[in-house]
Amino acid sequence: MSNEKVYGMKLSKLYPLLVEKARKKGRTREEVDEVIRWLTGYEQKKFEELVESDISYGDFFRNAPKPNENRKLIKGVVCGVRVEDIEEPLMREIRYLDKLVDDLAKGKSMEKILRKQEEES
């Protein structure tokens, strides 16, 4: 799938997939929301409004109010690609979220998922 197709997809369609991936492994929607807020800087209320809106996935990340500075410390493989090697900035932001949700689904603790990024800075 091309980057532009991913960017044009609706957050309202993708968000439930992220939640379902985490839930299948015993995690919660609240945990998914927490990693999204940590990554993007959205407040919960605003995030919930956006999930109910028609915003595209690309615009959701482009308009993130305060991307976490430590997101650049996220490393690992998502969809067979190392996130730190993704050159296209917007796709890298999207893959950061994929990696955080993957870590949730793998059973890592929330503290470890978020704090490991902060400890390295």
N, C-alpha and C. Protein backbone atom coordinates (compact mmCIF):
# COMPACT_ATOMS: atom_id res chain seq x y z
N MET A 1 0.85 -1.18 0.00
CA MET A 1 0.00 0.00 0.00
C MET A 1 0.90 1.24 0.00
N SER A 2 0.56 2.21 -0.81
CA SER A 2 1.37 3.42 -0.90
C SER A 2 1.20 4.28 0.34
N ASN A 3 2.20 5.11 0.59
CA ASN A 3 2.13 6.02 1.73
C ASN A 3 0.90 6.91 1.65
N GLU A 4 0.60 7.42 0.46
CA GLU A 4 -0.53 8.32 0.32
C GLU A 4 -1.85 7.65 0.68
N LYS A 5 -1.98 6.37 0.34
CA LYS A 5 -3.21 5.65 0.71
C LYS A 5 -3.32 5.53 2.23
N VAL A 6 -2.20 5.24 2.88
CA VAL A 6 -2.19 5.15 4.35
C VAL A 6 -2.55 6.51 4.94
N TYR A 7 -1.94 7.56 4.44
CA TYR A 7 -2.20 8.90 4.97
C TYR A 7 -3.65 9.31 4.80
N GLY A 8 -4.29 8.83 3.73
CA GLY A 8 -5.67 9.20 3.45
C GLY A 8 -6.72 8.37 4.19
N MET A 9 -6.29 7.28 4.82
CA MET A 9 -7.25 6.45 5.55
C MET A 9 -7.78 7.22 6.75
N LYS A 10 -8.98 6.88 7.16
CA LYS A 10 -9.63 7.59 8.26
C LYS A 10 -9.17 7.04 9.62
N LEU A 11 -8.86 7.95 10.51
CA LEU A 11 -8.51 7.56 11.88
C LEU A 11 -9.64 6.72 12.47
N SER A 12 -10.86 7.08 12.17
CA SER A 12 -12.02 6.37 12.72
C SER A 12 -12.05 4.90 12.29
N LYS A 13 -11.41 4.56 11.19
CA LYS A 13 -11.34 3.16 10.73
C LYS A 13 -10.13 2.43 11.31
N LEU A 14 -9.03 3.15 11.50
CA LEU A 14 -7.79 2.53 11.95
C LEU A 14 -7.72 2.37 13.47
N TYR A 15 -8.25 3.32 14.19
CA TYR A 15 -8.18 3.27 15.65
C TYR A 15 -8.78 1.97 16.22
N PRO A 16 -9.98 1.55 15.79
CA PRO A 16 -10.51 0.29 16.33
C PRO A 16 -9.61 -0.92 16.05
N LEU A 17 -8.86 -0.88 14.96
CA LEU A 17 -7.94 -1.98 14.65
C LEU A 17 -6.78 -2.01 15.64
N LEU A 18 -6.29 -0.83 16.00
CA LEU A 18 -5.22 -0.75 17.00
C LEU A 18 -5.70 -1.28 18.35
N VAL A 19 -6.91 -0.86 18.73
CA VAL A 19 -7.48 -1.30 20.00
C VAL A 19 -7.69 -2.81 19.98
N GLU A 20 -8.22 -3.33 18.90
CA GLU A 20 -8.48 -4.77 18.81
C GLU A 20 -7.18 -5.57 18.90
N LYS A 21 -6.15 -5.10 18.26
CA LYS A 21 -4.85 -5.78 18.32
C LYS A 21 -4.38 -5.88 19.77
N ALA A 22 -4.51 -4.81 20.51
CA ALA A 22 -4.10 -4.81 21.91
C ALA A 22 -5.03 -5.68 22.76
N ARG A 23 -6.32 -5.59 22.53
CA ARG A 23 -7.29 -6.36 23.32
C ARG A 23 -7.11 -7.86 23.16
N LYS A 24 -6.76 -8.28 21.96
CA LYS A 24 -6.54 -9.71 21.72
C LYS A 24 -5.46 -10.28 22.63
N LYS A 25 -4.59 -9.41 23.08
CA LYS A 25 -3.49 -9.83 23.95
C LYS A 25 -3.71 -9.40 25.40
N GLY A 26 -4.98 -9.07 25.73
CA GLY A 26 -5.31 -8.76 27.11
C GLY A 26 -5.05 -7.33 27.55
N ARG A 27 -4.82 -6.45 26.59
CA ARG A 27 -4.59 -5.04 26.92
C ARG A 27 -5.89 -4.27 26.76
N THR A 28 -5.89 -3.00 27.15
CA THR A 28 -7.12 -2.22 27.16
C THR A 28 -7.08 -1.05 26.18
N ARG A 29 -8.26 -0.56 25.89
CA ARG A 29 -8.39 0.64 25.06
C ARG A 29 -7.69 1.81 25.74
N GLU A 30 -7.83 1.88 27.06
CA GLU A 30 -7.20 2.97 27.81
C GLU A 30 -5.68 2.97 27.65
N GLU A 31 -5.10 1.78 27.58
CA GLU A 31 -3.65 1.70 27.37
C GLU A 31 -3.26 2.17 25.97
N VAL A 32 -4.06 1.80 25.00
CA VAL A 32 -3.81 2.27 23.63
C VAL A 32 -3.92 3.80 23.60
N ASP A 33 -4.95 4.33 24.23
CA ASP A 33 -5.12 5.78 24.28
C ASP A 33 -3.93 6.45 24.95
N GLU A 34 -3.42 5.83 26.00
CA GLU A 34 -2.28 6.41 26.72
C GLU A 34 -1.05 6.51 25.83
N VAL A 35 -0.76 5.45 25.06
CA VAL A 35 0.42 5.53 24.19
C VAL A 35 0.19 6.55 23.07
N ILE A 36 -1.04 6.67 22.60
CA ILE A 36 -1.34 7.66 21.56
C ILE A 36 -1.14 9.06 22.13
N ARG A 37 -1.65 9.31 23.32
CA ARG A 37 -1.47 10.64 23.94
C ARG A 37 0.01 10.92 24.19
N TRP A 38 0.74 9.92 24.68
CA TRP A 38 2.17 10.09 24.94
C TRP A 38 2.91 10.46 23.66
N LEU A 39 2.57 9.78 22.57
CA LEU A 39 3.25 9.98 21.30
C LEU A 39 2.91 11.33 20.66
N THR A 40 1.63 11.71 20.68
CA THR A 40 1.17 12.86 19.90
C THR A 40 0.95 14.15 20.69
N GLY A 41 0.69 14.02 21.98
CA GLY A 41 0.40 15.20 22.79
C GLY A 41 -1.06 15.61 22.79
N TYR A 42 -1.93 14.82 22.15
CA TYR A 42 -3.36 15.14 22.19
C TYR A 42 -3.90 14.91 23.60
N GLU A 43 -4.81 15.77 24.02
CA GLU A 43 -5.56 15.54 25.25
C GLU A 43 -6.63 14.49 24.94
N GLN A 44 -7.06 13.73 25.94
CA GLN A 44 -8.01 12.64 25.72
C GLN A 44 -9.30 13.12 25.05
N LYS A 45 -9.85 14.22 25.54
CA LYS A 45 -11.12 14.71 24.99
C LYS A 45 -10.98 15.05 23.50
N LYS A 46 -9.91 15.75 23.16
CA LYS A 46 -9.68 16.11 21.76
C LYS A 46 -9.46 14.86 20.92
N PHE A 47 -8.72 13.91 21.46
CA PHE A 47 -8.49 12.66 20.73
C PHE A 47 -9.80 11.95 20.45
N GLU A 48 -10.67 11.87 21.44
CA GLU A 48 -11.97 11.21 21.25
C GLU A 48 -12.80 11.92 20.20
N GLU A 49 -12.74 13.26 20.17
CA GLU A 49 -13.45 14.02 19.13
C GLU A 49 -12.92 13.67 17.75
N LEU A 50 -11.60 13.56 17.64
CA LEU A 50 -10.99 13.26 16.34
C LEU A 50 -11.35 11.84 15.87
N VAL A 51 -11.42 10.90 16.80
CA VAL A 51 -11.79 9.52 16.43
C VAL A 51 -13.20 9.50 15.86
N GLU A 52 -14.06 10.38 16.34
CA GLU A 52 -15.44 10.46 15.86
C GLU A 52 -15.58 11.31 14.60
N SER A 53 -14.52 11.97 14.21
CA SER A 53 -14.58 12.87 13.06
C SER A 53 -14.14 12.14 11.78
N ASP A 54 -13.99 12.91 10.72
CA ASP A 54 -13.58 12.38 9.42
C ASP A 54 -12.09 12.58 9.16
N ILE A 55 -11.30 12.90 10.19
CA ILE A 55 -9.89 13.24 9.98
C ILE A 55 -9.13 12.04 9.41
N SER A 56 -8.22 12.34 8.51
CA SER A 56 -7.39 11.29 7.93
C SER A 56 -6.27 10.95 8.91
N TYR A 57 -5.71 9.78 8.74
CA TYR A 57 -4.61 9.34 9.59
C TYR A 57 -3.42 10.28 9.42
N GLY A 58 -3.16 10.68 8.19
CA GLY A 58 -2.07 11.62 7.93
C GLY A 58 -2.27 12.94 8.65
N ASP A 59 -3.47 13.50 8.55
CA ASP A 59 -3.74 14.79 9.20
C ASP A 59 -3.71 14.65 10.72
N PHE A 60 -4.14 13.51 11.24
CA PHE A 60 -4.07 13.28 12.68
C PHE A 60 -2.63 13.45 13.16
N PHE A 61 -1.69 12.86 12.45
CA PHE A 61 -0.28 12.98 12.85
C PHE A 61 0.31 14.33 12.48
N ARG A 62 -0.07 14.88 11.32
CA ARG A 62 0.45 16.20 10.93
C ARG A 62 0.04 17.28 11.93
N ASN A 63 -1.16 17.15 12.50
CA ASN A 63 -1.70 18.16 13.40
C ASN A 63 -1.45 17.86 14.87
N ALA A 64 -0.66 16.84 15.16
CA ALA A 64 -0.40 16.48 16.56
C ALA A 64 0.12 17.71 17.30
N PRO A 65 -0.52 18.06 18.43
CA PRO A 65 -0.18 19.31 19.12
C PRO A 65 1.20 19.32 19.75
N LYS A 66 1.67 18.19 20.24
CA LYS A 66 2.96 18.19 20.92
C LYS A 66 3.59 16.80 20.83
N PRO A 67 4.14 16.47 19.65
CA PRO A 67 4.78 15.17 19.51
C PRO A 67 5.88 15.01 20.57
N ASN A 68 5.88 13.87 21.22
CA ASN A 68 6.83 13.62 22.30
C ASN A 68 8.25 13.61 21.74
N GLU A 69 9.12 14.41 22.35
CA GLU A 69 10.51 14.48 21.88
C GLU A 69 11.20 13.13 21.93
N ASN A 70 10.81 12.30 22.87
CA ASN A 70 11.46 11.00 23.04
C ASN A 70 10.98 9.94 22.04
N ARG A 71 10.03 10.30 21.18
CA ARG A 71 9.55 9.33 20.20
C ARG A 71 10.67 8.90 19.27
N LYS A 72 11.65 9.75 19.07
CA LYS A 72 12.75 9.43 18.16
C LYS A 72 13.65 8.35 18.72
N LEU A 73 13.46 8.02 19.99
CA LEU A 73 14.24 6.95 20.61
C LEU A 73 13.58 5.57 20.41
N ILE A 74 12.37 5.56 19.83
CA ILE A 74 11.68 4.30 19.58
C ILE A 74 12.42 3.56 18.47
N LYS A 75 12.76 2.33 18.77
CA LYS A 75 13.49 1.52 17.80
C LYS A 75 12.84 0.16 17.71
N GLY A 76 13.06 -0.49 16.60
CA GLY A 76 12.54 -1.84 16.43
C GLY A 76 11.93 -2.04 15.06
N VAL A 77 11.43 -3.24 14.84
CA VAL A 77 10.91 -3.63 13.54
C VAL A 77 9.38 -3.66 13.56
N VAL A 78 8.78 -3.02 12.56
CA VAL A 78 7.34 -3.04 12.36
C VAL A 78 7.11 -3.32 10.88
N CYS A 79 6.30 -4.31 10.60
CA CYS A 79 6.01 -4.68 9.21
C CYS A 79 7.29 -4.97 8.43
N GLY A 80 8.27 -5.56 9.09
CA GLY A 80 9.52 -5.92 8.44
C GLY A 80 10.48 -4.79 8.19
N VAL A 81 10.19 -3.60 8.74
CA VAL A 81 11.04 -2.44 8.52
C VAL A 81 11.44 -1.85 9.87
N ARG A 82 12.69 -1.48 10.01
CA ARG A 82 13.14 -0.82 11.23
C ARG A 82 12.60 0.61 11.25
N VAL A 83 11.88 0.96 12.31
CA VAL A 83 11.25 2.29 12.36
C VAL A 83 12.27 3.40 12.29
N GLU A 84 13.42 3.19 12.89
CA GLU A 84 14.44 4.25 12.89
C GLU A 84 15.06 4.46 11.51
N ASP A 85 14.83 3.53 10.58
CA ASP A 85 15.37 3.65 9.22
C ASP A 85 14.37 4.24 8.23
N ILE A 86 13.14 4.48 8.65
CA ILE A 86 12.12 5.02 7.74
C ILE A 86 12.45 6.49 7.46
N GLU A 87 12.66 6.81 6.20
CA GLU A 87 13.08 8.16 5.84
C GLU A 87 11.92 9.15 5.76
N GLU A 88 10.77 8.71 5.29
CA GLU A 88 9.61 9.60 5.14
C GLU A 88 9.09 9.95 6.55
N PRO A 89 9.20 11.22 6.96
CA PRO A 89 8.87 11.61 8.34
C PRO A 89 7.45 11.25 8.80
N LEU A 90 6.45 11.44 7.95
CA LEU A 90 5.09 11.15 8.37
C LEU A 90 4.88 9.64 8.55
N MET A 91 5.44 8.85 7.66
CA MET A 91 5.32 7.39 7.81
C MET A 91 6.06 6.93 9.06
N ARG A 92 7.18 7.55 9.37
CA ARG A 92 7.92 7.20 10.58
C ARG A 92 7.05 7.45 11.81
N GLU A 93 6.32 8.58 11.83
CA GLU A 93 5.42 8.89 12.96
C GLU A 93 4.35 7.80 13.11
N ILE A 94 3.79 7.38 11.99
CA ILE A 94 2.76 6.34 12.01
C ILE A 94 3.34 5.03 12.51
N ARG A 95 4.52 4.70 12.08
CA ARG A 95 5.16 3.44 12.51
C ARG A 95 5.59 3.48 13.97
N TYR A 96 5.89 4.67 14.49
CA TYR A 96 6.16 4.77 15.93
C TYR A 96 4.95 4.26 16.71
N LEU A 97 3.75 4.69 16.30
CA LEU A 97 2.55 4.24 16.99
C LEU A 97 2.37 2.73 16.82
N ASP A 98 2.60 2.23 15.62
CA ASP A 98 2.49 0.79 15.39
C ASP A 98 3.42 0.03 16.33
N LYS A 99 4.64 0.53 16.50
CA LYS A 99 5.61 -0.14 17.37
C LYS A 99 5.16 -0.11 18.83
N LEU A 100 4.62 1.01 19.28
CA LEU A 100 4.14 1.09 20.66
C LEU A 100 2.99 0.12 20.90
N VAL A 101 2.06 0.03 19.95
CA VAL A 101 0.94 -0.90 20.08
C VAL A 101 1.44 -2.34 20.01
N ASP A 102 2.43 -2.60 19.16
CA ASP A 102 3.03 -3.94 19.11
C ASP A 102 3.62 -4.31 20.47
N ASP A 103 4.32 -3.36 21.10
CA ASP A 103 4.90 -3.61 22.41
C ASP A 103 3.82 -3.91 23.45
N LEU A 104 2.71 -3.18 23.37
CA LEU A 104 1.58 -3.49 24.25
C LEU A 104 1.11 -4.92 24.03
N ALA A 105 0.91 -5.27 22.77
CA ALA A 105 0.39 -6.59 22.43
C ALA A 105 1.37 -7.70 22.82
N LYS A 106 2.64 -7.38 22.90
CA LYS A 106 3.64 -8.37 23.30
C LYS A 106 3.69 -8.54 24.82
N GLY A 107 2.88 -7.75 25.52
CA GLY A 107 2.81 -7.91 26.97
C GLY A 107 3.75 -7.06 27.77
N LYS A 108 4.45 -6.15 27.12
CA LYS A 108 5.35 -5.28 27.87
C LYS A 108 4.53 -4.36 28.77
N SER A 109 5.10 -4.03 29.90
CA SER A 109 4.38 -3.15 30.83
C SER A 109 4.33 -1.74 30.26
N MET A 110 3.29 -1.02 30.64
CA MET A 110 3.13 0.36 30.18
C MET A 110 4.33 1.19 30.63
N GLU A 111 4.76 0.99 31.87
CA GLU A 111 5.92 1.73 32.37
C GLU A 111 7.13 1.50 31.49
N LYS A 112 7.34 0.24 31.13
CA LYS A 112 8.50 -0.09 30.32
C LYS A 112 8.38 0.49 28.91
N ILE A 113 7.20 0.43 28.33
CA ILE A 113 7.00 0.94 26.98
C ILE A 113 7.31 2.43 26.91
N LEU A 114 6.79 3.20 27.85
CA LEU A 114 6.98 4.64 27.80
C LEU A 114 8.27 5.09 28.49
N ARG A 115 8.60 4.47 29.59
CA ARG A 115 9.78 4.91 30.33
C ARG A 115 11.06 4.53 29.60
N LYS A 116 11.09 3.43 28.90
CA LYS A 116 12.33 3.04 28.23
C LYS A 116 12.76 4.11 27.24
N GLN A 117 11.78 4.75 26.61
CA GLN A 117 12.10 5.82 25.68
C GLN A 117 12.70 7.01 26.44
N GLU A 118 12.15 7.30 27.62
CA GLU A 118 12.60 8.47 28.40
C GLU A 118 13.95 8.24 29.05
N GLU A 119 14.23 7.00 29.46
CA GLU A 119 15.50 6.72 30.13
C GLU A 119 16.69 6.90 29.20
N GLU A 120 16.47 6.69 27.92
CA GLU A 120 17.58 6.77 26.97
C GLU A 120 17.96 8.20 26.64
N SER A 121 17.13 9.16 27.03
CA SER A 121 17.46 10.54 26.67
C SER A 121 18.32 11.19 27.73
